[in-house]
Amino acid sequence: MSELVSTRIRTTAAKLGLPHLAESLNQYAGRADEAKMGYLDFLDLVLAEELAIRDDRRFRQSLRLSKLPHHETLDEYDFSFQPELDPRKIKDLAILAFVEAKANAALLVPPGVGKTHIAVALPVVACRAGFSVYFTTLDDMVRQLKAAEAAGRLSSKLRTYLRPGVLVVDEVGYQPLERGEANLVFQVISKRHEKGSIILTSNRTISEWVPRVR
């Protein structure tokens, strides 16, 4: 490959927003020459590499915007430490069929099981699959919504919780909600109906939540 052609390809790649191609052109050409690739195979190699890099960049950006407290994965979860937890159910959730269907999932497990780890690991999978994610505790969400309502910015703040494809609400049921606070939470849940998924976590059963609205 002549220097003139190499320079022209690098310039065009930069204009097309393909910086990795511009930086790795000689490496690609060397791999193609070593494998005696045809033109289509070489093009396939370049496009596959660029797509993988773009997907990884998008994934990392999604993780940054998600506000997840950490990025632990299901592979790092020790199911043997929790024999009462059926790993098949968690791995079924990781297929993300419920996210595709814009349905919800509630992780109701006793303390010490690692529910927050699971509640983070599932959104990490969702980020990798291209879904937008936002993580919050119920307490923080209520506090943010109340402050926005008092400032006359409730509609704007609601969009924070309505926009993502997957909303994770951790630590539900820990503190009782006043009726006005419960109404704010209901607005989020009702407006997200059939528009996006919610993952709730709690160490209480659903029946225990109701008396905690006062």
Foldseek 3Di string as FASTA:
>chain_A
DDPVVLVVVLVVCVVVVQNVCNVCVVVLVVVCVVVVDDPVVSVVVSVVVSVVVVLVVQLVVLVVQQPQPDQAAPVPADVVVPVVDDVVVLVVVLVVPCLVQQEEAEAAAAPPRPVSNSLNRSVSSVSSVPWHHHEDELVVLLVVQVVCVVVVNNVVSLCVLQVTQEYEYEAQQPAAAEPVSVVSVVVSVVSSVSVHYYYYYYNDDPVNRVVSYD
